[in-house]
Amino acid sequence: ILIQGRTLNRGDWVQFKYAADKQFGFNPI
């Protein structure tokens, strides 16, 4: 769940970093 389910307005963005063996590929559902 992104930003605790709160609102992401038009054009707004959120960023974060993670470390893993390979790139995950986040798919919105």
mmCIF file of all heavy atoms, coordinates in Angstrom:
data_MODEL
# 
_entry.id   MODEL 
# 
loop_
_atom_site.group_PDB 
_atom_site.id 
_atom_site.type_symbol 
_atom_site.label_atom_id 
_atom_site.label_alt_id 
_atom_site.label_comp_id 
_atom_site.label_asym_id 
_atom_site.label_entity_id 
_atom_site.label_seq_id 
_atom_site.pdbx_PDB_ins_code 
_atom_site.Cartn_x 
_atom_site.Cartn_y 
_atom_site.Cartn_z 
_atom_site.occupancy 
_atom_site.B_iso_or_equiv 
_atom_site.pdbx_formal_charge 
_atom_site.auth_seq_id 
_atom_site.auth_comp_id 
_atom_site.auth_asym_id 
_atom_site.auth_atom_id 
_atom_site.pdbx_PDB_model_num 
ATOM 1   N N   . ILE A 1 1  ? 0.855  -1.180  0.000   1.00 0.00 ? 1  ILE A N   1 
ATOM 2   C CA  . ILE A 1 1  ? 0.000  0.000   0.000   1.00 0.00 ? 1  ILE A CA  1 
ATOM 3   C C   . ILE A 1 1  ? 0.892  1.230   0.000   1.00 0.00 ? 1  ILE A C   1 
ATOM 4   O O   . ILE A 1 1  ? 1.789  1.367   0.833   1.00 0.00 ? 1  ILE A O   1 
ATOM 5   C CB  . ILE A 1 1  ? -0.933 -0.008  1.221   1.00 0.00 ? 1  ILE A CB  1 
ATOM 6   C CG1 . ILE A 1 1  ? -1.792 -1.279  1.193   1.00 0.00 ? 1  ILE A CG1 1 
ATOM 7   C CG2 . ILE A 1 1  ? -1.790 1.248   1.251   1.00 0.00 ? 1  ILE A CG2 1 
ATOM 8   C CD1 . ILE A 1 1  ? -2.554 -1.543  2.456   1.00 0.00 ? 1  ILE A CD1 1 
ATOM 9   N N   . LEU A 1 2  ? 0.634  2.124   -0.950  1.00 0.00 ? 2  LEU A N   1 
ATOM 10  C CA  . LEU A 1 2  ? 1.431  3.344   -1.098  1.00 0.00 ? 2  LEU A CA  1 
ATOM 11  C C   . LEU A 1 2  ? 0.898  4.430   -0.176  1.00 0.00 ? 2  LEU A C   1 
ATOM 12  O O   . LEU A 1 2  ? -0.318 4.644   -0.086  1.00 0.00 ? 2  LEU A O   1 
ATOM 13  C CB  . LEU A 1 2  ? 1.379  3.821   -2.549  1.00 0.00 ? 2  LEU A CB  1 
ATOM 14  C CG  . LEU A 1 2  ? 2.291  4.985   -2.908  1.00 0.00 ? 2  LEU A CG  1 
ATOM 15  C CD1 . LEU A 1 2  ? 3.763  4.556   -2.843  1.00 0.00 ? 2  LEU A CD1 1 
ATOM 16  C CD2 . LEU A 1 2  ? 1.968  5.513   -4.296  1.00 0.00 ? 2  LEU A CD2 1 
ATOM 17  N N   . ILE A 1 3  ? 1.787  5.127   0.484   1.00 0.00 ? 3  ILE A N   1 
ATOM 18  C CA  . ILE A 1 3  ? 1.533  6.266   1.380   1.00 0.00 ? 3  ILE A CA  1 
ATOM 19  C C   . ILE A 1 3  ? 0.294  6.069   2.252   1.00 0.00 ? 3  ILE A C   1 
ATOM 20  O O   . ILE A 1 3  ? -0.527 6.963   2.420   1.00 0.00 ? 3  ILE A O   1 
ATOM 21  C CB  . ILE A 1 3  ? 1.506  7.622   0.647   1.00 0.00 ? 3  ILE A CB  1 
ATOM 22  C CG1 . ILE A 1 3  ? 0.479  7.659   -0.472  1.00 0.00 ? 3  ILE A CG1 1 
ATOM 23  C CG2 . ILE A 1 3  ? 2.898  7.963   0.137   1.00 0.00 ? 3  ILE A CG2 1 
ATOM 24  C CD1 . ILE A 1 3  ? 0.321  9.032   -1.145  1.00 0.00 ? 3  ILE A CD1 1 
ATOM 25  N N   . GLN A 1 4  ? 0.184  4.883   2.826   1.00 0.00 ? 4  GLN A N   1 
ATOM 26  C CA  . GLN A 1 4  ? -0.882 4.527   3.764   1.00 0.00 ? 4  GLN A CA  1 
ATOM 27  C C   . GLN A 1 4  ? -2.276 4.719   3.173   1.00 0.00 ? 4  GLN A C   1 
ATOM 28  O O   . GLN A 1 4  ? -3.221 5.028   3.883   1.00 0.00 ? 4  GLN A O   1 
ATOM 29  C CB  . GLN A 1 4  ? -0.726 5.313   5.071   1.00 0.00 ? 4  GLN A CB  1 
ATOM 30  C CG  . GLN A 1 4  ? 0.592  5.020   5.755   1.00 0.00 ? 4  GLN A CG  1 
ATOM 31  C CD  . GLN A 1 4  ? 0.830  5.848   6.980   1.00 0.00 ? 4  GLN A CD  1 
ATOM 32  O OE1 . GLN A 1 4  ? 0.372  6.980   7.113   1.00 0.00 ? 4  GLN A OE1 1 
ATOM 33  N NE2 . GLN A 1 4  ? 1.581  5.285   7.907   1.00 0.00 ? 4  GLN A NE2 1 
ATOM 34  N N   . GLY A 1 5  ? -2.376 4.583   1.856   1.00 0.00 ? 5  GLY A N   1 
ATOM 35  C CA  . GLY A 1 5  ? -3.670 4.717   1.191   1.00 0.00 ? 5  GLY A CA  1 
ATOM 36  C C   . GLY A 1 5  ? -4.114 6.146   0.961   1.00 0.00 ? 5  GLY A C   1 
ATOM 37  O O   . GLY A 1 5  ? -5.185 6.385   0.405   1.00 0.00 ? 5  GLY A O   1 
ATOM 38  N N   . ARG A 1 6  ? -3.279 7.102   1.372   1.00 0.00 ? 6  ARG A N   1 
ATOM 39  C CA  . ARG A 1 6  ? -3.648 8.518   1.213   1.00 0.00 ? 6  ARG A CA  1 
ATOM 40  C C   . ARG A 1 6  ? -3.632 8.926   -0.258  1.00 0.00 ? 6  ARG A C   1 
ATOM 41  O O   . ARG A 1 6  ? -3.196 8.189   -1.128  1.00 0.00 ? 6  ARG A O   1 
ATOM 42  C CB  . ARG A 1 6  ? -2.701 9.404   2.023   1.00 0.00 ? 6  ARG A CB  1 
ATOM 43  C CG  . ARG A 1 6  ? -2.859 9.204   3.530   1.00 0.00 ? 6  ARG A CG  1 
ATOM 44  C CD  . ARG A 1 6  ? -2.116 10.259  4.344   1.00 0.00 ? 6  ARG A CD  1 
ATOM 45  N NE  . ARG A 1 6  ? -0.779 10.535  3.863   1.00 0.00 ? 6  ARG A NE  1 
ATOM 46  C CZ  . ARG A 1 6  ? 0.332  9.967   4.329   1.00 0.00 ? 6  ARG A CZ  1 
ATOM 47  N NH1 . ARG A 1 6  ? 0.270  9.068   5.279   1.00 0.00 ? 6  ARG A NH1 1 
ATOM 48  N NH2 . ARG A 1 6  ? 1.512  10.294  3.840   1.00 0.00 ? 6  ARG A NH2 1 
ATOM 49  N N   . THR A 1 7  ? -4.058 10.129  -0.502  1.00 0.00 ? 7  THR A N   1 
ATOM 50  C CA  . THR A 1 7  ? -4.241 10.649  -1.851  1.00 0.00 ? 7  THR A CA  1 
ATOM 51  C C   . THR A 1 7  ? -2.923 11.065  -2.496  1.00 0.00 ? 7  THR A C   1 
ATOM 52  O O   . THR A 1 7  ? -2.091 11.725  -1.877  1.00 0.00 ? 7  THR A O   1 
ATOM 53  C CB  . THR A 1 7  ? -5.193 11.865  -1.815  1.00 0.00 ? 7  THR A CB  1 
ATOM 54  O OG1 . THR A 1 7  ? -6.442 11.432  -1.272  1.00 0.00 ? 7  THR A OG1 1 
ATOM 55  C CG2 . THR A 1 7  ? -5.411 12.452  -3.185  1.00 0.00 ? 7  THR A CG2 1 
ATOM 56  N N   . LEU A 1 8  ? -2.779 10.675  -3.755  1.00 0.00 ? 8  LEU A N   1 
ATOM 57  C CA  . LEU A 1 8  ? -1.692 11.143  -4.607  1.00 0.00 ? 8  LEU A CA  1 
ATOM 58  C C   . LEU A 1 8  ? -2.350 11.985  -5.693  1.00 0.00 ? 8  LEU A C   1 
ATOM 59  O O   . LEU A 1 8  ? -3.106 11.468  -6.517  1.00 0.00 ? 8  LEU A O   1 
ATOM 60  C CB  . LEU A 1 8  ? -0.937 9.953   -5.212  1.00 0.00 ? 8  LEU A CB  1 
ATOM 61  C CG  . LEU A 1 8  ? 0.379  10.255  -5.922  1.00 0.00 ? 8  LEU A CG  1 
ATOM 62  C CD1 . LEU A 1 8  ? 1.401  10.859  -4.947  1.00 0.00 ? 8  LEU A CD1 1 
ATOM 63  C CD2 . LEU A 1 8  ? 0.945  8.995   -6.540  1.00 0.00 ? 8  LEU A CD2 1 
ATOM 64  N N   . ASN A 1 9  ? -2.126 13.275  -5.638  1.00 0.00 ? 9  ASN A N   1 
ATOM 65  C CA  . ASN A 1 9  ? -2.783 14.196  -6.571  1.00 0.00 ? 9  ASN A CA  1 
ATOM 66  C C   . ASN A 1 9  ? -2.203 14.088  -7.975  1.00 0.00 ? 9  ASN A C   1 
ATOM 67  O O   . ASN A 1 9  ? -1.127 13.529  -8.178  1.00 0.00 ? 9  ASN A O   1 
ATOM 68  C CB  . ASN A 1 9  ? -2.672 15.639  -6.059  1.00 0.00 ? 9  ASN A CB  1 
ATOM 69  C CG  . ASN A 1 9  ? -3.503 15.864  -4.828  1.00 0.00 ? 9  ASN A CG  1 
ATOM 70  O OD1 . ASN A 1 9  ? -4.672 15.503  -4.779  1.00 0.00 ? 9  ASN A OD1 1 
ATOM 71  N ND2 . ASN A 1 9  ? -2.898 16.444  -3.800  1.00 0.00 ? 9  ASN A ND2 1 
ATOM 72  N N   . ARG A 1 10 ? -2.908 14.666  -8.909  1.00 0.00 ? 10 ARG A N   1 
ATOM 73  C CA  . ARG A 1 10 ? -2.482 14.683  -10.312 1.00 0.00 ? 10 ARG A CA  1 
ATOM 74  C C   . ARG A 1 10 ? -1.049 15.217  -10.425 1.00 0.00 ? 10 ARG A C   1 
ATOM 75  O O   . ARG A 1 10 ? -0.730 16.284  -9.919  1.00 0.00 ? 10 ARG A O   1 
ATOM 76  C CB  . ARG A 1 10 ? -3.431 15.575  -11.102 1.00 0.00 ? 10 ARG A CB  1 
ATOM 77  C CG  . ARG A 1 10 ? -3.017 15.773  -12.524 1.00 0.00 ? 10 ARG A CG  1 
ATOM 78  C CD  . ARG A 1 10 ? -3.906 16.769  -13.208 1.00 0.00 ? 10 ARG A CD  1 
ATOM 79  N NE  . ARG A 1 10 ? -3.498 16.928  -14.587 1.00 0.00 ? 10 ARG A NE  1 
ATOM 80  C CZ  . ARG A 1 10 ? -4.068 17.764  -15.412 1.00 0.00 ? 10 ARG A CZ  1 
ATOM 81  N NH1 . ARG A 1 10 ? -5.069 18.519  -15.016 1.00 0.00 ? 10 ARG A NH1 1 
ATOM 82  N NH2 . ARG A 1 10 ? -3.645 17.853  -16.649 1.00 0.00 ? 10 ARG A NH2 1 
ATOM 83  N N   . GLY A 1 11 ? -0.204 14.441  -11.077 1.00 0.00 ? 11 GLY A N   1 
ATOM 84  C CA  . GLY A 1 11 ? 1.173  14.878  -11.315 1.00 0.00 ? 11 GLY A CA  1 
ATOM 85  C C   . GLY A 1 11 ? 2.108  14.693  -10.135 1.00 0.00 ? 11 GLY A C   1 
ATOM 86  O O   . GLY A 1 11 ? 3.315  14.837  -10.278 1.00 0.00 ? 11 GLY A O   1 
ATOM 87  N N   . ASP A 1 12 ? 1.575  14.376  -8.948  1.00 0.00 ? 12 ASP A N   1 
ATOM 88  C CA  . ASP A 1 12 ? 2.435  14.182  -7.780  1.00 0.00 ? 12 ASP A CA  1 
ATOM 89  C C   . ASP A 1 12 ? 3.168  12.847  -7.871  1.00 0.00 ? 12 ASP A C   1 
ATOM 90  O O   . ASP A 1 12 ? 2.727  11.939  -8.572  1.00 0.00 ? 12 ASP A O   1 
ATOM 91  C CB  . ASP A 1 12 ? 1.617  14.226  -6.494  1.00 0.00 ? 12 ASP A CB  1 
ATOM 92  C CG  . ASP A 1 12 ? 1.220  15.648  -6.101  1.00 0.00 ? 12 ASP A CG  1 
ATOM 93  O OD1 . ASP A 1 12 ? 1.630  16.611  -6.786  1.00 0.00 ? 12 ASP A OD1 1 
ATOM 94  O OD2 . ASP A 1 12 ? 0.488  15.782  -5.106  1.00 0.00 ? 12 ASP A OD2 1 
ATOM 95  N N   . TRP A 1 13 ? 4.256  12.746  -7.140  1.00 0.00 ? 13 TRP A N   1 
ATOM 96  C CA  . TRP A 1 13 ? 5.047  11.533  -7.168  1.00 0.00 ? 13 TRP A CA  1 
ATOM 97  C C   . TRP A 1 13 ? 5.580  11.219  -5.781  1.00 0.00 ? 13 TRP A C   1 
ATOM 98  O O   . TRP A 1 13 ? 5.663  12.089  -4.919  1.00 0.00 ? 13 TRP A O   1 
ATOM 99  C CB  . TRP A 1 13 ? 6.187  11.637  -8.174  1.00 0.00 ? 13 TRP A CB  1 
ATOM 100 C CG  . TRP A 1 13 ? 7.029  12.863  -8.017  1.00 0.00 ? 13 TRP A CG  1 
ATOM 101 C CD1 . TRP A 1 13 ? 6.813  14.076  -8.593  1.00 0.00 ? 13 TRP A CD1 1 
ATOM 102 C CD2 . TRP A 1 13 ? 8.192  13.017  -7.204  1.00 0.00 ? 13 TRP A CD2 1 
ATOM 103 N NE1 . TRP A 1 13 ? 7.783  14.968  -8.201  1.00 0.00 ? 13 TRP A NE1 1 
ATOM 104 C CE2 . TRP A 1 13 ? 8.638  14.343  -7.348  1.00 0.00 ? 13 TRP A CE2 1 
ATOM 105 C CE3 . TRP A 1 13 ? 8.901  12.154  -6.383  1.00 0.00 ? 13 TRP A CE3 1 
ATOM 106 C CZ2 . TRP A 1 13 ? 9.760  14.824  -6.686  1.00 0.00 ? 13 TRP A CZ2 1 
ATOM 107 C CZ3 . TRP A 1 13 ? 10.022 12.635  -5.725  1.00 0.00 ? 13 TRP A CZ3 1 
ATOM 108 C CH2 . TRP A 1 13 ? 10.439 13.959  -5.891  1.00 0.00 ? 13 TRP A CH2 1 
ATOM 109 N N   . VAL A 1 14 ? 5.922  9.968   -5.612  1.00 0.00 ? 14 VAL A N   1 
ATOM 110 C CA  . VAL A 1 14 ? 6.518  9.447   -4.378  1.00 0.00 ? 14 VAL A CA  1 
ATOM 111 C C   . VAL A 1 14 ? 7.728  8.626   -4.798  1.00 0.00 ? 14 VAL A C   1 
ATOM 112 O O   . VAL A 1 14 ? 7.693  7.956   -5.832  1.00 0.00 ? 14 VAL A O   1 
ATOM 113 C CB  . VAL A 1 14 ? 5.513  8.539   -3.627  1.00 0.00 ? 14 VAL A CB  1 
ATOM 114 C CG1 . VAL A 1 14 ? 6.166  7.881   -2.432  1.00 0.00 ? 14 VAL A CG1 1 
ATOM 115 C CG2 . VAL A 1 14 ? 4.286  9.322   -3.208  1.00 0.00 ? 14 VAL A CG2 1 
ATOM 116 N N   . GLN A 1 15 ? 8.782  8.681   -4.004  1.00 0.00 ? 15 GLN A N   1 
ATOM 117 C CA  . GLN A 1 15 ? 9.956  7.876   -4.339  1.00 0.00 ? 15 GLN A CA  1 
ATOM 118 C C   . GLN A 1 15 ? 10.480 7.155   -3.102  1.00 0.00 ? 15 GLN A C   1 
ATOM 119 O O   . GLN A 1 15 ? 10.291 7.615   -1.976  1.00 0.00 ? 15 GLN A O   1 
ATOM 120 C CB  . GLN A 1 15 ? 11.052 8.703   -4.983  1.00 0.00 ? 15 GLN A CB  1 
ATOM 121 C CG  . GLN A 1 15 ? 11.750 9.673   -4.061  1.00 0.00 ? 15 GLN A CG  1 
ATOM 122 C CD  . GLN A 1 15 ? 12.859 10.406  -4.780  1.00 0.00 ? 15 GLN A CD  1 
ATOM 123 O OE1 . GLN A 1 15 ? 13.009 10.346  -5.996  1.00 0.00 ? 15 GLN A OE1 1 
ATOM 124 N NE2 . GLN A 1 15 ? 13.669 11.124  -4.036  1.00 0.00 ? 15 GLN A NE2 1 
ATOM 125 N N   . PHE A 1 16 ? 11.119 6.035   -3.347  1.00 0.00 ? 16 PHE A N   1 
ATOM 126 C CA  . PHE A 1 16 ? 11.777 5.286   -2.290  1.00 0.00 ? 16 PHE A CA  1 
ATOM 127 C C   . PHE A 1 16 ? 12.874 4.439   -2.927  1.00 0.00 ? 16 PHE A C   1 
ATOM 128 O O   . PHE A 1 16 ? 12.941 4.307   -4.152  1.00 0.00 ? 16 PHE A O   1 
ATOM 129 C CB  . PHE A 1 16 ? 10.787 4.408   -1.498  1.00 0.00 ? 16 PHE A CB  1 
ATOM 130 C CG  . PHE A 1 16 ? 10.096 3.357   -2.316  1.00 0.00 ? 16 PHE A CG  1 
ATOM 131 C CD1 . PHE A 1 16 ? 10.643 2.085   -2.464  1.00 0.00 ? 16 PHE A CD1 1 
ATOM 132 C CD2 . PHE A 1 16 ? 8.895  3.634   -2.942  1.00 0.00 ? 16 PHE A CD2 1 
ATOM 133 C CE1 . PHE A 1 16 ? 10.004 1.123   -3.220  1.00 0.00 ? 16 PHE A CE1 1 
ATOM 134 C CE2 . PHE A 1 16 ? 8.236  2.673   -3.697  1.00 0.00 ? 16 PHE A CE2 1 
ATOM 135 C CZ  . PHE A 1 16 ? 8.790  1.413   -3.834  1.00 0.00 ? 16 PHE A CZ  1 
ATOM 136 N N   . LYS A 1 17 ? 13.724 3.891   -2.082  1.00 0.00 ? 17 LYS A N   1 
ATOM 137 C CA  . LYS A 1 17 ? 14.803 3.027   -2.557  1.00 0.00 ? 17 LYS A CA  1 
ATOM 138 C C   . LYS A 1 17 ? 14.707 1.682   -1.862  1.00 0.00 ? 17 LYS A C   1 
ATOM 139 O O   . LYS A 1 17 ? 14.226 1.586   -0.738  1.00 0.00 ? 17 LYS A O   1 
ATOM 140 C CB  . LYS A 1 17 ? 16.166 3.665   -2.268  1.00 0.00 ? 17 LYS A CB  1 
ATOM 141 C CG  . LYS A 1 17 ? 16.399 4.949   -3.040  1.00 0.00 ? 17 LYS A CG  1 
ATOM 142 C CD  . LYS A 1 17 ? 17.705 5.598   -2.664  1.00 0.00 ? 17 LYS A CD  1 
ATOM 143 C CE  . LYS A 1 17 ? 17.852 6.914   -3.431  1.00 0.00 ? 17 LYS A CE  1 
ATOM 144 N NZ  . LYS A 1 17 ? 19.010 7.668   -2.959  1.00 0.00 ? 17 LYS A NZ  1 
ATOM 145 N N   . TYR A 1 18 ? 15.165 0.655   -2.568  1.00 0.00 ? 18 TYR A N   1 
ATOM 146 C CA  . TYR A 1 18 ? 15.254 -0.677  -1.994  1.00 0.00 ? 18 TYR A CA  1 
ATOM 147 C C   . TYR A 1 18 ? 16.499 -1.357  -2.549  1.00 0.00 ? 18 TYR A C   1 
ATOM 148 O O   . TYR A 1 18 ? 17.072 -0.913  -3.540  1.00 0.00 ? 18 TYR A O   1 
ATOM 149 C CB  . TYR A 1 18 ? 13.984 -1.495  -2.284  1.00 0.00 ? 18 TYR A CB  1 
ATOM 150 C CG  . TYR A 1 18 ? 13.809 -1.929  -3.720  1.00 0.00 ? 18 TYR A CG  1 
ATOM 151 C CD1 . TYR A 1 18 ? 14.259 -3.176  -4.153  1.00 0.00 ? 18 TYR A CD1 1 
ATOM 152 C CD2 . TYR A 1 18 ? 13.197 -1.093  -4.651  1.00 0.00 ? 18 TYR A CD2 1 
ATOM 153 C CE1 . TYR A 1 18 ? 14.099 -3.577  -5.474  1.00 0.00 ? 18 TYR A CE1 1 
ATOM 154 C CE2 . TYR A 1 18 ? 13.034 -1.483  -5.966  1.00 0.00 ? 18 TYR A CE2 1 
ATOM 155 C CZ  . TYR A 1 18 ? 13.483 -2.728  -6.376  1.00 0.00 ? 18 TYR A CZ  1 
ATOM 156 O OH  . TYR A 1 18 ? 13.331 -3.108  -7.679  1.00 0.00 ? 18 TYR A OH  1 
ATOM 157 N N   . ALA A 1 19 ? 16.926 -2.421  -1.895  1.00 0.00 ? 19 ALA A N   1 
ATOM 158 C CA  . ALA A 1 19 ? 18.092 -3.174  -2.353  1.00 0.00 ? 19 ALA A CA  1 
ATOM 159 C C   . ALA A 1 19 ? 17.721 -4.657  -2.385  1.00 0.00 ? 19 ALA A C   1 
ATOM 160 O O   . ALA A 1 19 ? 17.213 -5.206  -1.405  1.00 0.00 ? 19 ALA A O   1 
ATOM 161 C CB  . ALA A 1 19 ? 19.286 -2.938  -1.432  1.00 0.00 ? 19 ALA A CB  1 
ATOM 162 N N   . ALA A 1 20 ? 17.978 -5.269  -3.531  1.00 0.00 ? 20 ALA A N   1 
ATOM 163 C CA  . ALA A 1 20 ? 17.633 -6.683  -3.720  1.00 0.00 ? 20 ALA A CA  1 
ATOM 164 C C   . ALA A 1 20 ? 18.541 -7.274  -4.792  1.00 0.00 ? 20 ALA A C   1 
ATOM 165 O O   . ALA A 1 20 ? 19.237 -6.548  -5.505  1.00 0.00 ? 20 ALA A O   1 
ATOM 166 C CB  . ALA A 1 20 ? 16.172 -6.813  -4.134  1.00 0.00 ? 20 ALA A CB  1 
ATOM 167 N N   . ASP A 1 21 ? 18.501 -8.592  -4.914  1.00 0.00 ? 21 ASP A N   1 
ATOM 168 C CA  . ASP A 1 21 ? 19.324 -9.258  -5.915  1.00 0.00 ? 21 ASP A CA  1 
ATOM 169 C C   . ASP A 1 21 ? 19.011 -8.775  -7.328  1.00 0.00 ? 21 ASP A C   1 
ATOM 170 O O   . ASP A 1 21 ? 19.896 -8.676  -8.167  1.00 0.00 ? 21 ASP A O   1 
ATOM 171 C CB  . ASP A 1 21 ? 19.124 -10.777 -5.846  1.00 0.00 ? 21 ASP A CB  1 
ATOM 172 C CG  . ASP A 1 21 ? 19.777 -11.382 -4.608  1.00 0.00 ? 21 ASP A CG  1 
ATOM 173 O OD1 . ASP A 1 21 ? 20.850 -10.904 -4.211  1.00 0.00 ? 21 ASP A OD1 1 
ATOM 174 O OD2 . ASP A 1 21 ? 19.184 -12.314 -4.041  1.00 0.00 ? 21 ASP A OD2 1 
ATOM 175 N N   . LYS A 1 22 ? 17.728 -8.496  -7.567  1.00 0.00 ? 22 LYS A N   1 
ATOM 176 C CA  . LYS A 1 22 ? 17.340 -8.023  -8.903  1.00 0.00 ? 22 LYS A CA  1 
ATOM 177 C C   . LYS A 1 22 ? 16.195 -7.023  -8.788  1.00 0.00 ? 22 LYS A C   1 
ATOM 178 O O   . LYS A 1 22 ? 15.501 -6.961  -7.771  1.00 0.00 ? 22 LYS A O   1 
ATOM 179 C CB  . LYS A 1 22 ? 16.953 -9.192  -9.809  1.00 0.00 ? 22 LYS A CB  1 
ATOM 180 C CG  . LYS A 1 22 ? 15.767 -9.980  -9.322  1.00 0.00 ? 22 LYS A CG  1 
ATOM 181 C CD  . LYS A 1 22 ? 15.445 -11.120 -10.264 1.00 0.00 ? 22 LYS A CD  1 
ATOM 182 C CE  . LYS A 1 22 ? 14.201 -11.850 -9.762  1.00 0.00 ? 22 LYS A CE  1 
ATOM 183 N NZ  . LYS A 1 22 ? 13.701 -12.810 -10.698 1.00 0.00 ? 22 LYS A NZ  1 
ATOM 184 N N   . GLN A 1 23 ? 16.005 -6.272  -9.846  1.00 0.00 ? 23 GLN A N   1 
ATOM 185 C CA  . GLN A 1 23 ? 14.921 -5.288  -9.895  1.00 0.00 ? 23 GLN A CA  1 
ATOM 186 C C   . GLN A 1 23 ? 13.583 -6.009  -9.790  1.00 0.00 ? 23 GLN A C   1 
ATOM 187 O O   . GLN A 1 23 ? 13.369 -7.038  -10.432 1.00 0.00 ? 23 GLN A O   1 
ATOM 188 C CB  . GLN A 1 23 ? 15.015 -4.500  -11.204 1.00 0.00 ? 23 GLN A CB  1 
ATOM 189 C CG  . GLN A 1 23 ? 14.018 -3.381  -11.303 1.00 0.00 ? 23 GLN A CG  1 
ATOM 190 C CD  . GLN A 1 23 ? 14.283 -2.506  -12.518 1.00 0.00 ? 23 GLN A CD  1 
ATOM 191 O OE1 . GLN A 1 23 ? 15.421 -2.237  -12.857 1.00 0.00 ? 23 GLN A OE1 1 
ATOM 192 N NE2 . GLN A 1 23 ? 13.215 -2.068  -13.153 1.00 0.00 ? 23 GLN A NE2 1 
ATOM 193 N N   . PHE A 1 24 ? 12.679 -5.474  -8.965  1.00 0.00 ? 24 PHE A N   1 
ATOM 194 C CA  . PHE A 1 24 ? 11.425 -6.173  -8.697  1.00 0.00 ? 24 PHE A CA  1 
ATOM 195 C C   . PHE A 1 24 ? 10.362 -5.956  -9.769  1.00 0.00 ? 24 PHE A C   1 
ATOM 196 O O   . PHE A 1 24 ? 9.764  -6.892  -10.257 1.00 0.00 ? 24 PHE A O   1 
ATOM 197 C CB  . PHE A 1 24 ? 10.869 -5.757  -7.328  1.00 0.00 ? 24 PHE A CB  1 
ATOM 198 C CG  . PHE A 1 24 ? 9.547  -6.398  -7.021  1.00 0.00 ? 24 PHE A CG  1 
ATOM 199 C CD1 . PHE A 1 24 ? 9.465  -7.760  -6.782  1.00 0.00 ? 24 PHE A CD1 1 
ATOM 200 C CD2 . PHE A 1 24 ? 8.386  -5.651  -7.006  1.00 0.00 ? 24 PHE A CD2 1 
ATOM 201 C CE1 . PHE A 1 24 ? 8.246  -8.368  -6.513  1.00 0.00 ? 24 PHE A CE1 1 
ATOM 202 C CE2 . PHE A 1 24 ? 7.161  -6.251  -6.741  1.00 0.00 ? 24 PHE A CE2 1 
ATOM 203 C CZ  . PHE A 1 24 ? 7.095  -7.607  -6.494  1.00 0.00 ? 24 PHE A CZ  1 
ATOM 204 N N   . GLY A 1 25 ? 10.105 -4.721  -10.126 1.00 0.00 ? 25 GLY A N   1 
ATOM 205 C CA  . GLY A 1 25 ? 9.033  -4.420  -11.087 1.00 0.00 ? 25 GLY A CA  1 
ATOM 206 C C   . GLY A 1 25 ? 7.696  -4.257  -10.400 1.00 0.00 ? 25 GLY A C   1 
ATOM 207 O O   . GLY A 1 25 ? 6.873  -5.169  -10.411 1.00 0.00 ? 25 GLY A O   1 
ATOM 208 N N   . PHE A 1 26 ? 7.477  -3.133  -9.772  1.00 0.00 ? 26 PHE A N   1 
ATOM 209 C CA  . PHE A 1 26 ? 6.228  -2.861  -9.061  1.00 0.00 ? 26 PHE A CA  1 
ATOM 210 C C   . PHE A 1 26 ? 5.097  -2.642  -10.057 1.00 0.00 ? 26 PHE A C   1 
ATOM 211 O O   . PHE A 1 26 ? 5.175  -1.760  -10.916 1.00 0.00 ? 26 PHE A O   1 
ATOM 212 C CB  . PHE A 1 26 ? 6.379  -1.633  -8.157  1.00 0.00 ? 26 PHE A CB  1 
ATOM 213 C CG  . PHE A 1 26 ? 7.229  -1.899  -6.954  1.00 0.00 ? 26 PHE A CG  1 
ATOM 214 C CD1 . PHE A 1 26 ? 8.592  -1.696  -6.996  1.00 0.00 ? 26 PHE A CD1 1 
ATOM 215 C CD2 . PHE A 1 26 ? 6.659  -2.375  -5.785  1.00 0.00 ? 26 PHE A CD2 1 
ATOM 216 C CE1 . PHE A 1 26 ? 9.380  -1.953  -5.889  1.00 0.00 ? 26 PHE A CE1 1 
ATOM 217 C CE2 . PHE A 1 26 ? 7.440  -2.636  -4.674  1.00 0.00 ? 26 PHE A CE2 1 
ATOM 218 C CZ  . PHE A 1 26 ? 8.803  -2.428  -4.722  1.00 0.00 ? 26 PHE A CZ  1 
ATOM 219 N N   . ASN A 1 27 ? 4.031  -3.428  -9.910  1.00 0.00 ? 27 ASN A N   1 
ATOM 220 C CA  . ASN A 1 27 ? 2.869  -3.318  -10.800 1.00 0.00 ? 27 ASN A CA  1 
ATOM 221 C C   . ASN A 1 27 ? 1.649  -2.890  -10.004 1.00 0.00 ? 27 ASN A C   1 
ATOM 222 O O   . ASN A 1 27 ? 1.219  -3.610  -9.094  1.00 0.00 ? 27 ASN A O   1 
ATOM 223 C CB  . ASN A 1 27 ? 2.577  -4.670  -11.483 1.00 0.00 ? 27 ASN A CB  1 
ATOM 224 C CG  . ASN A 1 27 ? 3.671  -5.056  -12.433 1.00 0.00 ? 27 ASN A CG  1 
ATOM 225 O OD1 . ASN A 1 27 ? 4.099  -4.260  -13.255 1.00 0.00 ? 27 ASN A OD1 1 
ATOM 226 N ND2 . ASN A 1 27 ? 4.137  -6.279  -12.329 1.00 0.00 ? 27 ASN A ND2 1 
ATOM 227 N N   . PRO A 1 28 ? 1.077  -1.727  -10.338 1.00 0.00 ? 28 PRO A N   1 
ATOM 228 C CA  . PRO A 1 28 ? -0.147 -1.308  -9.638  1.00 0.00 ? 28 PRO A CA  1 
ATOM 229 C C   . PRO A 1 28 ? -1.279 -2.283  -9.939  1.00 0.00 ? 28 PRO A C   1 
ATOM 230 O O   . PRO A 1 28 ? -1.399 -2.778  -11.058 1.00 0.00 ? 28 PRO A O   1 
ATOM 231 C CB  . PRO A 1 28 ? -0.451 0.074   -10.233 1.00 0.00 ? 28 PRO A CB  1 
ATOM 232 C CG  . PRO A 1 28 ? 0.675  0.432   -11.110 1.00 0.00 ? 28 PRO A CG  1 
ATOM 233 C CD  . PRO A 1 28 ? 1.508  -0.774  -11.336 1.00 0.00 ? 28 PRO A CD  1 
ATOM 234 N N   . ILE A 1 29 ? -2.096 -2.554  -8.924  1.00 0.00 ? 29 ILE A N   1 
ATOM 235 C CA  . ILE A 1 29 ? -3.233 -3.455  -9.103  1.00 0.00 ? 29 ILE A CA  1 
ATOM 236 C C   . ILE A 1 29 ? -4.563 -2.810  -8.702  1.00 0.00 ? 29 ILE A C   1 
ATOM 237 O O   . ILE A 1 29 ? -5.619 -3.343  -9.026  1.00 0.00 ? 29 ILE A O   1 
ATOM 238 C CB  . ILE A 1 29 ? -3.042 -4.781  -8.321  1.00 0.00 ? 29 ILE A CB  1 
ATOM 239 C CG1 . ILE A 1 29 ? -2.835 -4.512  -6.839  1.00 0.00 ? 29 ILE A CG1 1 
ATOM 240 C CG2 . ILE A 1 29 ? -1.920 -5.593  -8.924  1.00 0.00 ? 29 ILE A CG2 1 
ATOM 241 C CD1 . ILE A 1 29 ? -2.862 -5.755  -5.960  1.00 0.00 ? 29 ILE A CD1 1 
# 
